[in-house]
Amino acid sequence: MTEKTNLKTLKVRIKDKPKPLLERMAFEVNQVWNVANEVTANYSEIPIPEVGWVSCRFSAFDLQKQLKSLKAERGFILHSTTVQEVIAAHYKARRQFKTDKLRWRVSGGARRSL
């Protein structure tokens, strides 16, 4: 005899108390995205004298190694796992669109990303 499981989805409004914390976390996620974007854009092609330009592709692991001190440098409250997930999502988007530089994520104003 098999029992059926019923799932219910509840909609919950987030109160105003954690709003500043969530806005700061969204700002920090956008900043991590922008730094990863800047690193991949600047180092995507490296000039070699008398040879030309060499294309260099960053993997998510390479970016994580390079940006591991970002949280401490900027005093972010994000967990390190969140930073790694943002970098992995950035890598996945770069690979999907086959480009080294993605659009910047706006952290404030009417057109903010998160």
PDB file of N, CA and C in Angstrom:
ATOM      1  N   MET A   1       0.837  -1.166   0.000  1.00  0.00           N
ATOM      2  CA  MET A   1       0.000   0.000   0.000  1.00  0.00           C
ATOM      3  C   MET A   1       0.891   1.241   0.000  1.00  0.00           C
ATOM      4  N   THR A   2       0.661   2.132  -0.935  1.00  0.00           N
ATOM      5  CA  THR A   2       1.474   3.333  -1.081  1.00  0.00           C
ATOM      6  C   THR A   2       0.729   4.539  -0.520  1.00  0.00           C
ATOM      7  N   GLU A   3       1.448   5.318   0.281  1.00  0.00           N
ATOM      8  CA  GLU A   3       0.851   6.532   0.825  1.00  0.00           C
ATOM      9  C   GLU A   3       1.171   7.704  -0.082  1.00  0.00           C
ATOM     10  N   LYS A   4       0.205   8.571  -0.278  1.00  0.00           N
ATOM     11  CA  LYS A   4       0.416   9.761  -1.090  1.00  0.00           C
ATOM     12  C   LYS A   4       0.808  10.919  -0.189  1.00  0.00           C
ATOM     13  N   THR A   5       1.732  11.708  -0.680  1.00  0.00           N
ATOM     14  CA  THR A   5       2.182  12.872   0.075  1.00  0.00           C
ATOM     15  C   THR A   5       1.623  14.124  -0.565  1.00  0.00           C
ATOM     16  N   ASN A   6       1.031  14.961   0.243  1.00  0.00           N
ATOM     17  CA  ASN A   6       0.502  16.232  -0.242  1.00  0.00           C
ATOM     18  C   ASN A   6       1.460  17.342   0.144  1.00  0.00           C
ATOM     19  N   LEU A   7       1.831  18.162  -0.822  1.00  0.00           N
ATOM     20  CA  LEU A   7       2.697  19.302  -0.567  1.00  0.00           C
ATOM     21  C   LEU A   7       1.898  20.578  -0.707  1.00  0.00           C
ATOM     22  N   LYS A   8       2.120  21.501   0.220  1.00  0.00           N
ATOM     23  CA  LYS A   8       1.464  22.798   0.154  1.00  0.00           C
ATOM     24  C   LYS A   8       2.537  23.871   0.091  1.00  0.00           C
ATOM     25  N   THR A   9       2.330  24.837  -0.761  1.00  0.00           N
ATOM     26  CA  THR A   9       3.242  25.966  -0.869  1.00  0.00           C
ATOM     27  C   THR A   9       2.615  27.157  -0.170  1.00  0.00           C
ATOM     28  N   LEU A  10       3.357  27.720   0.755  1.00  0.00           N
ATOM     29  CA  LEU A  10       2.869  28.877   1.490  1.00  0.00           C
ATOM     30  C   LEU A  10       3.575  30.124   0.994  1.00  0.00           C
ATOM     31  N   LYS A  11       2.828  31.178   0.815  1.00  0.00           N
ATOM     32  CA  LYS A  11       3.418  32.464   0.462  1.00  0.00           C
ATOM     33  C   LYS A  11       3.565  33.269   1.738  1.00  0.00           C
ATOM     34  N   VAL A  12       4.791  33.684   1.997  1.00  0.00           N
ATOM     35  CA  VAL A  12       5.068  34.412   3.223  1.00  0.00           C
ATOM     36  C   VAL A  12       5.691  35.749   2.861  1.00  0.00           C
ATOM     37  N   ARG A  13       5.172  36.799   3.435  1.00  0.00           N
ATOM     38  CA  ARG A  13       5.737  38.123   3.209  1.00  0.00           C
ATOM     39  C   ARG A  13       6.902  38.311   4.163  1.00  0.00           C
ATOM     40  N   ILE A  14       8.028  38.772   3.620  1.00  0.00           N
ATOM     41  CA  ILE A  14       9.181  39.054   4.465  1.00  0.00           C
ATOM     42  C   ILE A  14       8.947  40.391   5.139  1.00  0.00           C
ATOM     43  N   LYS A  15       9.073  40.398   6.425  1.00  0.00           N
ATOM     44  CA  LYS A  15       8.842  41.620   7.196  1.00  0.00           C
ATOM     45  C   LYS A  15       9.948  42.636   6.911  1.00  0.00           C
ATOM     46  N   ASP A  16       9.739  43.831   7.374  1.00  0.00           N
ATOM     47  CA  ASP A  16      10.687  44.906   7.114  1.00  0.00           C
ATOM     48  C   ASP A  16      11.949  44.808   7.959  1.00  0.00           C
ATOM     49  N   LYS A  17      11.944  43.983   8.983  1.00  0.00           N
ATOM     50  CA  LYS A  17      13.101  43.894   9.866  1.00  0.00           C
ATOM     51  C   LYS A  17      14.363  43.387   9.154  1.00  0.00           C
ATOM     52  N   PRO A  18      14.313  42.273   8.386  1.00  0.00           N
ATOM     53  CA  PRO A  18      15.543  41.809   7.724  1.00  0.00           C
ATOM     54  C   PRO A  18      15.826  42.492   6.383  1.00  0.00           C
ATOM     55  N   LYS A  19      15.031  43.481   6.006  1.00  0.00           N
ATOM     56  CA  LYS A  19      15.202  44.114   4.699  1.00  0.00           C
ATOM     57  C   LYS A  19      16.592  44.718   4.494  1.00  0.00           C
ATOM     58  N   PRO A  20      17.152  45.478   5.443  1.00  0.00           N
ATOM     59  CA  PRO A  20      18.498  46.031   5.218  1.00  0.00           C
ATOM     60  C   PRO A  20      19.564  44.952   5.043  1.00  0.00           C
ATOM     61  N   LEU A  21      19.430  43.862   5.787  1.00  0.00           N
ATOM     62  CA  LEU A  21      20.389  42.770   5.666  1.00  0.00           C
ATOM     63  C   LEU A  21      20.297  42.115   4.291  1.00  0.00           C
ATOM     64  N   LEU A  22      19.073  41.874   3.818  1.00  0.00           N
ATOM     65  CA  LEU A  22      18.893  41.259   2.506  1.00  0.00           C
ATOM     66  C   LEU A  22      19.366  42.180   1.385  1.00  0.00           C
ATOM     67  N   GLU A  23      19.140  43.486   1.535  1.00  0.00           N
ATOM     68  CA  GLU A  23      19.624  44.429   0.524  1.00  0.00           C
ATOM     69  C   GLU A  23      21.147  44.462   0.487  1.00  0.00           C
ATOM     70  N   ARG A  24      21.783  44.390   1.667  1.00  0.00           N
ATOM     71  CA  ARG A  24      23.246  44.376   1.704  1.00  0.00           C
ATOM     72  C   ARG A  24      23.786  43.101   1.068  1.00  0.00           C
ATOM     73  N   MET A  25      23.146  41.977   1.345  1.00  0.00           N
ATOM     74  CA  MET A  25      23.592  40.717   0.750  1.00  0.00           C
ATOM     75  C   MET A  25      23.428  40.745  -0.770  1.00  0.00           C
ATOM     76  N   ALA A  26      22.328  41.309  -1.258  1.00  0.00           N
ATOM     77  CA  ALA A  26      22.129  41.425  -2.705  1.00  0.00           C
ATOM     78  C   ALA A  26      23.195  42.322  -3.319  1.00  0.00           C
ATOM     79  N   PHE A  27      23.535  43.413  -2.640  1.00  0.00           N
ATOM     80  CA  PHE A  27      24.594  44.308  -3.103  1.00  0.00           C
ATOM     81  C   PHE A  27      25.922  43.561  -3.184  1.00  0.00           C
ATOM     82  N   GLU A  28      26.226  42.758  -2.168  1.00  0.00           N
ATOM     83  CA  GLU A  28      27.487  42.021  -2.141  1.00  0.00           C
ATOM     84  C   GLU A  28      27.539  40.947  -3.227  1.00  0.00           C
ATOM     85  N   VAL A  29      26.420  40.289  -3.485  1.00  0.00           N
ATOM     86  CA  VAL A  29      26.380  39.297  -4.571  1.00  0.00           C
ATOM     87  C   VAL A  29      26.676  39.979  -5.905  1.00  0.00           C
ATOM     88  N   ASN A  30      26.081  41.148  -6.131  1.00  0.00           N
ATOM     89  CA  ASN A  30      26.347  41.885  -7.366  1.00  0.00           C
ATOM     90  C   ASN A  30      27.808  42.305  -7.453  1.00  0.00           C
ATOM     91  N   GLN A  31      28.411  42.672  -6.328  1.00  0.00           N
ATOM     92  CA  GLN A  31      29.815  43.069  -6.329  1.00  0.00           C
ATOM     93  C   GLN A  31      30.724  41.891  -6.661  1.00  0.00           C
ATOM     94  N   VAL A  32      30.421  40.713  -6.128  1.00  0.00           N
ATOM     95  CA  VAL A  32      31.210  39.518  -6.447  1.00  0.00           C
ATOM     96  C   VAL A  32      31.102  39.217  -7.937  1.00  0.00           C
ATOM     97  N   TRP A  33      29.889  39.313  -8.488  1.00  0.00           N
ATOM     98  CA  TRP A  33      29.680  39.090  -9.919  1.00  0.00           C
ATOM     99  C   TRP A  33      30.518  40.063 -10.741  1.00  0.00           C
ATOM    100  N   ASN A  34      30.491  41.345 -10.361  1.00  0.00           N
ATOM    101  CA  ASN A  34      31.214  42.368 -11.116  1.00  0.00           C
ATOM    102  C   ASN A  34      32.722  42.171 -11.043  1.00  0.00           C
ATOM    103  N   VAL A  35      33.241  41.756  -9.888  1.00  0.00           N
ATOM    104  CA  VAL A  35      34.682  41.509  -9.773  1.00  0.00           C
ATOM    105  C   VAL A  35      35.075  40.306 -10.622  1.00  0.00           C
ATOM    106  N   ALA A  36      34.285  39.250 -10.595  1.00  0.00           N
ATOM    107  CA  ALA A  36      34.567  38.083 -11.434  1.00  0.00           C
ATOM    108  C   ALA A  36      34.519  38.466 -12.908  1.00  0.00           C
ATOM    109  N   ASN A  37      33.571  39.316 -13.266  1.00  0.00           N
ATOM    110  CA  ASN A  37      33.451  39.783 -14.645  1.00  0.00           C
ATOM    111  C   ASN A  37      34.671  40.608 -15.048  1.00  0.00           C
ATOM    112  N   GLU A  38      35.139  41.455 -14.141  1.00  0.00           N
ATOM    113  CA  GLU A  38      36.296  42.299 -14.427  1.00  0.00           C
ATOM    114  C   GLU A  38      37.560  41.462 -14.608  1.00  0.00           C
ATOM    115  N   VAL A  39      37.748  40.471 -13.750  1.00  0.00           N
ATOM    116  CA  VAL A  39      38.933  39.615 -13.846  1.00  0.00           C
ATOM    117  C   VAL A  39      38.928  38.843 -15.158  1.00  0.00           C
ATOM    118  N   THR A  40      37.800  38.261 -15.520  1.00  0.00           N
ATOM    119  CA  THR A  40      37.753  37.481 -16.758  1.00  0.00           C
ATOM    120  C   THR A  40      37.881  38.365 -17.991  1.00  0.00           C
ATOM    121  N   ALA A  41      37.392  39.596 -17.921  1.00  0.00           N
ATOM    122  CA  ALA A  41      37.510  40.503 -19.069  1.00  0.00           C
ATOM    123  C   ALA A  41      38.943  40.987 -19.239  1.00  0.00           C
ATOM    124  N   ASN A  42      39.626  41.294 -18.124  1.00  0.00           N
ATOM    125  CA  ASN A  42      40.988  41.824 -18.207  1.00  0.00           C
ATOM    126  C   ASN A  42      42.009  40.774 -18.612  1.00  0.00           C
ATOM    127  N   TYR A  43      41.815  39.542 -18.158  1.00  0.00           N
ATOM    128  CA  TYR A  43      42.811  38.512 -18.414  1.00  0.00           C
ATOM    129  C   TYR A  43      42.365  37.491 -19.446  1.00  0.00           C
ATOM    130  N   SER A  44      41.375  37.822 -20.257  1.00  0.00           N
ATOM    131  CA  SER A  44      40.910  36.860 -21.254  1.00  0.00           C
ATOM    132  C   SER A  44      41.908  36.699 -22.393  1.00  0.00           C
ATOM    133  N   GLU A  45      42.607  37.767 -22.719  1.00  0.00           N
ATOM    134  CA  GLU A  45      43.647  37.693 -23.746  1.00  0.00           C
ATOM    135  C   GLU A  45      44.900  38.363 -23.215  1.00  0.00           C
ATOM    136  N   ILE A  46      46.013  37.641 -23.266  1.00  0.00           N
ATOM    137  CA  ILE A  46      47.276  38.127 -22.716  1.00  0.00           C
ATOM    138  C   ILE A  46      48.224  38.419 -23.872  1.00  0.00           C
ATOM    139  N   PRO A  47      48.814  39.643 -23.895  1.00  0.00           N
ATOM    140  CA  PRO A  47      49.760  39.953 -24.975  1.00  0.00           C
ATOM    141  C   PRO A  47      51.124  39.313 -24.721  1.00  0.00           C
ATOM    142  N   ILE A  48      51.689  38.725 -25.755  1.00  0.00           N
ATOM    143  CA  ILE A  48      53.038  38.170 -25.695  1.00  0.00           C
ATOM    144  C   ILE A  48      53.858  38.891 -26.756  1.00  0.00           C
ATOM    145  N   PRO A  49      54.985  39.519 -26.342  1.00  0.00           N
ATOM    146  CA  PRO A  49      55.785  40.283 -27.305  1.00  0.00           C
ATOM    147  C   PRO A  49      56.253  39.420 -28.477  1.00  0.00           C
ATOM    148  N   GLU A  50      56.155  39.992 -29.652  1.00  0.00           N
ATOM    149  CA  GLU A  50      56.587  39.392 -30.918  1.00  0.00           C
ATOM    150  C   GLU A  50      55.824  38.123 -31.288  1.00  0.00           C
ATOM    151  N   VAL A  51      54.777  37.803 -30.560  1.00  0.00           N
ATOM    152  CA  VAL A  51      53.968  36.629 -30.884  1.00  0.00           C
ATOM    153  C   VAL A  51      52.538  37.049 -31.191  1.00  0.00           C
ATOM    154  N   GLY A  52      51.977  37.876 -30.328  1.00  0.00           N
ATOM    155  CA  GLY A  52      50.598  38.318 -30.502  1.00  0.00           C
ATOM    156  C   GLY A  52      49.825  38.140 -29.211  1.00  0.00           C
ATOM    157  N   TRP A  53      48.579  37.799 -29.346  1.00  0.00           N
ATOM    158  CA  TRP A  53      47.700  37.647 -28.194  1.00  0.00           C
ATOM    159  C   TRP A  53      47.373  36.173 -27.984  1.00  0.00           C
ATOM    160  N   VAL A  54      47.401  35.746 -26.738  1.00  0.00           N
ATOM    161  CA  VAL A  54      47.062  34.373 -26.391  1.00  0.00           C
ATOM    162  C   VAL A  54      45.756  34.401 -25.601  1.00  0.00           C
ATOM    163  N   SER A  55      44.812  33.591 -26.031  1.00  0.00           N
ATOM    164  CA  SER A  55      43.519  33.533 -25.357  1.00  0.00           C
ATOM    165  C   SER A  55      43.632  32.671 -24.102  1.00  0.00           C
ATOM    166  N   CYS A  56      43.109  33.178 -23.019  1.00  0.00           N
ATOM    167  CA  CYS A  56      43.176  32.482 -21.732  1.00  0.00           C
ATOM    168  C   CYS A  56      41.762  32.358 -21.183  1.00  0.00           C
ATOM    169  N   ARG A  57      41.293  31.167 -20.957  1.00  0.00           N
ATOM    170  CA  ARG A  57      39.946  30.945 -20.435  1.00  0.00           C
ATOM    171  C   ARG A  57      40.031  30.571 -18.959  1.00  0.00           C
ATOM    172  N   PHE A  58      39.278  31.282 -18.134  1.00  0.00           N
ATOM    173  CA  PHE A  58      39.233  31.001 -16.709  1.00  0.00           C
ATOM    174  C   PHE A  58      38.132  30.001 -16.422  1.00  0.00           C
ATOM    175  N   SER A  59      38.450  28.999 -15.619  1.00  0.00           N
ATOM    176  CA  SER A  59      37.399  28.108 -15.139  1.00  0.00           C
ATOM    177  C   SER A  59      36.876  28.660 -13.818  1.00  0.00           C
ATOM    178  N   ALA A  60      35.806  28.084 -13.322  1.00  0.00           N
ATOM    179  CA  ALA A  60      35.256  28.534 -12.042  1.00  0.00           C
ATOM    180  C   ALA A  60      36.257  28.277 -10.921  1.00  0.00           C
ATOM    181  N   PHE A  61      36.991  27.176 -11.008  1.00  0.00           N
ATOM    182  CA  PHE A  61      37.992  26.858  -9.989  1.00  0.00           C
ATOM    183  C   PHE A  61      39.107  27.896  -9.980  1.00  0.00           C
ATOM    184  N   ASP A  62      39.578  28.306 -11.166  1.00  0.00           N
ATOM    185  CA  ASP A  62      40.627  29.329 -11.243  1.00  0.00           C
ATOM    186  C   ASP A  62      40.155  30.652 -10.653  1.00  0.00           C
ATOM    187  N   LEU A  63      38.922  31.028 -10.958  1.00  0.00           N
ATOM    188  CA  LEU A  63      38.381  32.272 -10.410  1.00  0.00           C
ATOM    189  C   LEU A  63      38.223  32.195  -8.897  1.00  0.00           C
ATOM    190  N   GLN A  64      37.800  31.050  -8.390  1.00  0.00           N
ATOM    191  CA  GLN A  64      37.647  30.906  -6.948  1.00  0.00           C
ATOM    192  C   GLN A  64      38.990  31.030  -6.243  1.00  0.00           C
ATOM    193  N   LYS A  65      40.041  30.460  -6.831  1.00  0.00           N
ATOM    194  CA  LYS A  65      41.367  30.591  -6.239  1.00  0.00           C
ATOM    195  C   LYS A  65      41.820  32.039  -6.245  1.00  0.00           C
ATOM    196  N   GLN A  66      41.532  32.753  -7.315  1.00  0.00           N
ATOM    197  CA  GLN A  66      41.981  34.128  -7.438  1.00  0.00           C
ATOM    198  C   GLN A  66      41.169  35.082  -6.559  1.00  0.00           C
ATOM    199  N   LEU A  67      39.912  34.781  -6.338  1.00  0.00           N
ATOM    200  CA  LEU A  67      39.040  35.685  -5.585  1.00  0.00           C
ATOM    201  C   LEU A  67      38.757  35.213  -4.158  1.00  0.00           C
ATOM    202  N   LYS A  68      39.554  34.268  -3.649  1.00  0.00           N
ATOM    203  CA  LYS A  68      39.257  33.736  -2.320  1.00  0.00           C
ATOM    204  C   LYS A  68      39.444  34.766  -1.211  1.00  0.00           C
ATOM    205  N   SER A  69      40.258  35.784  -1.432  1.00  0.00           N
ATOM    206  CA  SER A  69      40.471  36.802  -0.396  1.00  0.00           C
ATOM    207  C   SER A  69      39.504  37.979  -0.536  1.00  0.00           C
ATOM    208  N   LEU A  70      38.627  37.947  -1.507  1.00  0.00           N
ATOM    209  CA  LEU A  70      37.703  39.055  -1.761  1.00  0.00           C
ATOM    210  C   LEU A  70      36.796  39.330  -0.563  1.00  0.00           C
ATOM    211  N   LYS A  71      36.306  38.292   0.063  1.00  0.00           N
ATOM    212  CA  LYS A  71      35.392  38.446   1.196  1.00  0.00           C
ATOM    213  C   LYS A  71      36.074  39.179   2.348  1.00  0.00           C
ATOM    214  N   ALA A  72      37.296  38.813   2.654  1.00  0.00           N
ATOM    215  CA  ALA A  72      38.017  39.454   3.762  1.00  0.00           C
ATOM    216  C   ALA A  72      38.432  40.880   3.408  1.00  0.00           C
ATOM    217  N   GLU A  73      38.835  41.099   2.159  1.00  0.00           N
ATOM    218  CA  GLU A  73      39.275  42.430   1.735  1.00  0.00           C
ATOM    219  C   GLU A  73      38.163  43.461   1.840  1.00  0.00           C
ATOM    220  N   ARG A  74      36.983  43.092   1.431  1.00  0.00           N
ATOM    221  CA  ARG A  74      35.876  44.049   1.372  1.00  0.00           C
ATOM    222  C   ARG A  74      34.936  43.977   2.566  1.00  0.00           C
ATOM    223  N   GLY A  75      35.185  43.042   3.475  1.00  0.00           N
ATOM    224  CA  GLY A  75      34.344  42.945   4.668  1.00  0.00           C
ATOM    225  C   GLY A  75      32.929  42.483   4.382  1.00  0.00           C
ATOM    226  N   PHE A  76      32.772  41.548   3.459  1.00  0.00           N
ATOM    227  CA  PHE A  76      31.452  41.045   3.108  1.00  0.00           C
ATOM    228  C   PHE A  76      30.909  40.154   4.222  1.00  0.00           C
ATOM    229  N   ILE A  77      29.595  40.157   4.373  1.00  0.00           N
ATOM    230  CA  ILE A  77      28.949  39.283   5.347  1.00  0.00           C
ATOM    231  C   ILE A  77      28.466  37.987   4.693  1.00  0.00           C
ATOM    232  N   LEU A  78      28.639  37.875   3.387  1.00  0.00           N
ATOM    233  CA  LEU A  78      28.240  36.656   2.687  1.00  0.00           C
ATOM    234  C   LEU A  78      29.089  35.479   3.144  1.00  0.00           C
ATOM    235  N   HIS A  79      28.503  34.311   3.119  1.00  0.00           N
ATOM    236  CA  HIS A  79      29.258  33.104   3.425  1.00  0.00           C
ATOM    237  C   HIS A  79      30.150  32.769   2.235  1.00  0.00           C
ATOM    238  N   SER A  80      31.265  32.106   2.496  1.00  0.00           N
ATOM    239  CA  SER A  80      32.203  31.783   1.419  1.00  0.00           C
ATOM    240  C   SER A  80      31.570  30.851   0.388  1.00  0.00           C
ATOM    241  N   THR A  81      30.641  30.011   0.814  1.00  0.00           N
ATOM    242  CA  THR A  81      29.947  29.134  -0.127  1.00  0.00           C
ATOM    243  C   THR A  81      29.096  29.947  -1.096  1.00  0.00           C
ATOM    244  N   THR A  82      28.499  31.019  -0.615  1.00  0.00           N
ATOM    245  CA  THR A  82      27.698  31.886  -1.479  1.00  0.00           C
ATOM    246  C   THR A  82      28.580  32.553  -2.523  1.00  0.00           C
ATOM    247  N   VAL A  83      29.763  32.986  -2.107  1.00  0.00           N
ATOM    248  CA  VAL A  83      30.707  33.597  -3.047  1.00  0.00           C
ATOM    249  C   VAL A  83      31.095  32.581  -4.120  1.00  0.00           C
ATOM    250  N   GLN A  84      31.355  31.344  -3.717  1.00  0.00           N
ATOM    251  CA  GLN A  84      31.713  30.302  -4.681  1.00  0.00           C
ATOM    252  C   GLN A  84      30.559  30.008  -5.638  1.00  0.00           C
ATOM    253  N   GLU A  85      29.337  30.017  -5.139  1.00  0.00           N
ATOM    254  CA  GLU A  85      28.176  29.773  -5.996  1.00  0.00           C
ATOM    255  C   GLU A  85      27.978  30.897  -7.008  1.00  0.00           C
ATOM    256  N   VAL A  86      28.227  32.137  -6.593  1.00  0.00           N
ATOM    257  CA  VAL A  86      28.106  33.267  -7.523  1.00  0.00           C
ATOM    258  C   VAL A  86      29.158  33.144  -8.621  1.00  0.00           C
ATOM    259  N   ILE A  87      30.375  32.769  -8.250  1.00  0.00           N
ATOM    260  CA  ILE A  87      31.443  32.599  -9.237  1.00  0.00           C
ATOM    261  C   ILE A  87      31.102  31.454 -10.190  1.00  0.00           C
ATOM    262  N   ALA A  88      30.543  30.371  -9.658  1.00  0.00           N
ATOM    263  CA  ALA A  88      30.149  29.247 -10.511  1.00  0.00           C
ATOM    264  C   ALA A  88      29.026  29.649 -11.471  1.00  0.00           C
ATOM    265  N   ALA A  89      28.076  30.451 -10.992  1.00  0.00           N
ATOM    266  CA  ALA A  89      26.993  30.924 -11.866  1.00  0.00           C
ATOM    267  C   ALA A  89      27.541  31.857 -12.942  1.00  0.00           C
ATOM    268  N   HIS A  90      28.525  32.672 -12.580  1.00  0.00           N
ATOM    269  CA  HIS A  90      29.162  33.565 -13.557  1.00  0.00           C
ATOM    270  C   HIS A  90      29.868  32.744 -14.637  1.00  0.00           C
ATOM    271  N   TYR A  91      30.589  31.713 -14.224  1.00  0.00           N
ATOM    272  CA  TYR A  91      31.281  30.848 -15.187  1.00  0.00           C
ATOM    273  C   TYR A  91      30.280  30.155 -16.110  1.00  0.00           C
ATOM    274  N   LYS A  92      29.184  29.676 -15.535  1.00  0.00           N
ATOM    275  CA  LYS A  92      28.165  28.993 -16.337  1.00  0.00           C
ATOM    276  C   LYS A  92      27.556  29.939 -17.365  1.00  0.00           C
ATOM    277  N   ALA A  93      27.307  31.185 -16.974  1.00  0.00           N
ATOM    278  CA  ALA A  93      26.742  32.165 -17.906  1.00  0.00           C
ATOM    279  C   ALA A  93      27.746  32.523 -18.996  1.00  0.00           C
ATOM    280  N   ARG A  94      29.030  32.651 -18.629  1.00  0.00           N
ATOM    281  CA  ARG A  94      30.049  32.943 -19.647  1.00  0.00           C
ATOM    282  C   ARG A  94      30.150  31.811 -20.654  1.00  0.00           C
ATOM    283  N   ARG A  95      30.097  30.591 -20.151  1.00  0.00           N
ATOM    284  CA  ARG A  95      30.181  29.436 -21.041  1.00  0.00           C
ATOM    285  C   ARG A  95      28.936  29.336 -21.921  1.00  0.00           C
ATOM    286  N   GLN A  96      27.781  29.653 -21.366  1.00  0.00           N
ATOM    287  CA  GLN A  96      26.533  29.569 -22.126  1.00  0.00           C
ATOM    288  C   GLN A  96      26.523  30.565 -23.279  1.00  0.00           C
ATOM    289  N   PHE A  97      26.964  31.803 -23.014  1.00  0.00           N
ATOM    290  CA  PHE A  97      26.918  32.844 -24.036  1.00  0.00           C
ATOM    291  C   PHE A  97      28.217  32.973 -24.816  1.00  0.00           C
ATOM    292  N   LYS A  98      29.200  32.128 -24.489  1.00  0.00           N
ATOM    293  CA  LYS A  98      30.478  32.076 -25.217  1.00  0.00           C
ATOM    294  C   LYS A  98      31.142  33.447 -25.301  1.00  0.00           C
ATOM    295  N   THR A  99      31.257  34.098 -24.162  1.00  0.00           N
ATOM    296  CA  THR A  99      31.889  35.409 -24.118  1.00  0.00           C
ATOM    297  C   THR A  99      32.731  35.516 -22.851  1.00  0.00           C
ATOM    298  N   ASP A 100      33.700  36.428 -22.873  1.00  0.00           N
ATOM    299  CA  ASP A 100      34.567  36.611 -21.713  1.00  0.00           C
ATOM    300  C   ASP A 100      34.063  37.695 -20.780  1.00  0.00           C
ATOM    301  N   LYS A 101      33.230  38.589 -21.282  1.00  0.00           N
ATOM    302  CA  LYS A 101      32.714  39.669 -20.456  1.00  0.00           C
ATOM    303  C   LYS A 101      31.200  39.705 -20.564  1.00  0.00           C
ATOM    304  N   LEU A 102      30.545  39.630 -19.420  1.00  0.00           N
ATOM    305  CA  LEU A 102      29.092  39.701 -19.373  1.00  0.00           C
ATOM    306  C   LEU A 102      28.668  41.106 -18.979  1.00  0.00           C
ATOM    307  N   ARG A 103      27.383  41.356 -18.974  1.00  0.00           N
ATOM    308  CA  ARG A 103      26.889  42.674 -18.561  1.00  0.00           C
ATOM    309  C   ARG A 103      27.099  42.850 -17.062  1.00  0.00           C
ATOM    310  N   TRP A 104      27.344  44.095 -16.676  1.00  0.00           N
ATOM    311  CA  TRP A 104      27.533  44.406 -15.265  1.00  0.00           C
ATOM    312  C   TRP A 104      26.213  44.263 -14.538  1.00  0.00           C
ATOM    313  N   ARG A 105      26.304  43.911 -13.266  1.00  0.00           N
ATOM    314  CA  ARG A 105      25.111  43.832 -12.428  1.00  0.00           C
ATOM    315  C   ARG A 105      24.995  45.121 -11.640  1.00  0.00           C
ATOM    316  N   VAL A 106      23.889  45.786 -11.794  1.00  0.00           N
ATOM    317  CA  VAL A 106      23.664  47.058 -11.122  1.00  0.00           C
ATOM    318  C   VAL A 106      23.239  46.768  -9.682  1.00  0.00           C
ATOM    319  N   SER A 107      23.874  47.449  -8.733  1.00  0.00           N
ATOM    320  CA  SER A 107      23.607  47.181  -7.321  1.00  0.00           C
ATOM    321  C   SER A 107      22.577  48.116  -6.710  1.00  0.00           C
ATOM    322  N   GLY A 108      22.300  49.235  -7.331  1.00  0.00           N
ATOM    323  CA  GLY A 108      21.340  50.171  -6.757  1.00  0.00           C
ATOM    324  C   GLY A 108      20.496  50.810  -7.842  1.00  0.00           C
ATOM    325  N   GLY A 109      19.489  51.554  -7.423  1.00  0.00           N
ATOM    326  CA  GLY A 109      18.646  52.246  -8.386  1.00  0.00           C
ATOM    327  C   GLY A 109      17.496  51.394  -8.873  1.00  0.00           C
ATOM    328  N   ALA A 110      16.814  51.914  -9.871  1.00  0.00           N
ATOM    329  CA  ALA A 110      15.620  51.240 -10.381  1.00  0.00           C
ATOM    330  C   ALA A 110      15.964  50.006 -11.208  1.00  0.00           C
ATOM    331  N   ARG A 111      17.177  49.948 -11.767  1.00  0.00           N
ATOM    332  CA  ARG A 111      17.529  48.837 -12.652  1.00  0.00           C
ATOM    333  C   ARG A 111      18.465  47.842 -11.989  1.00  0.00           C
ATOM    334  N   ARG A 112      18.377  47.698 -10.683  1.00  0.00           N
ATOM    335  CA  ARG A 112      19.278  46.792  -9.979  1.00  0.00           C
ATOM    336  C   ARG A 112      18.968  45.346 -10.337  1.00  0.00           C
ATOM    337  N   SER A 113      19.996  44.504 -10.239  1.00  0.00           N
ATOM    338  CA  SER A 113      19.859  43.126 -10.685  1.00  0.00           C
ATOM    339  C   SER A 113      19.178  42.231  -9.661  1.00  0.00           C
ATOM    340  N   LEU A 114      19.430  42.459  -8.393  1.00  0.00           N
ATOM    341  CA  LEU A 114      18.804  41.628  -7.359  1.00  0.00           C
ATOM    342  C   LEU A 114      17.992  42.485  -6.426  1.00  0.00           C
TER     343      LEU A 114
END
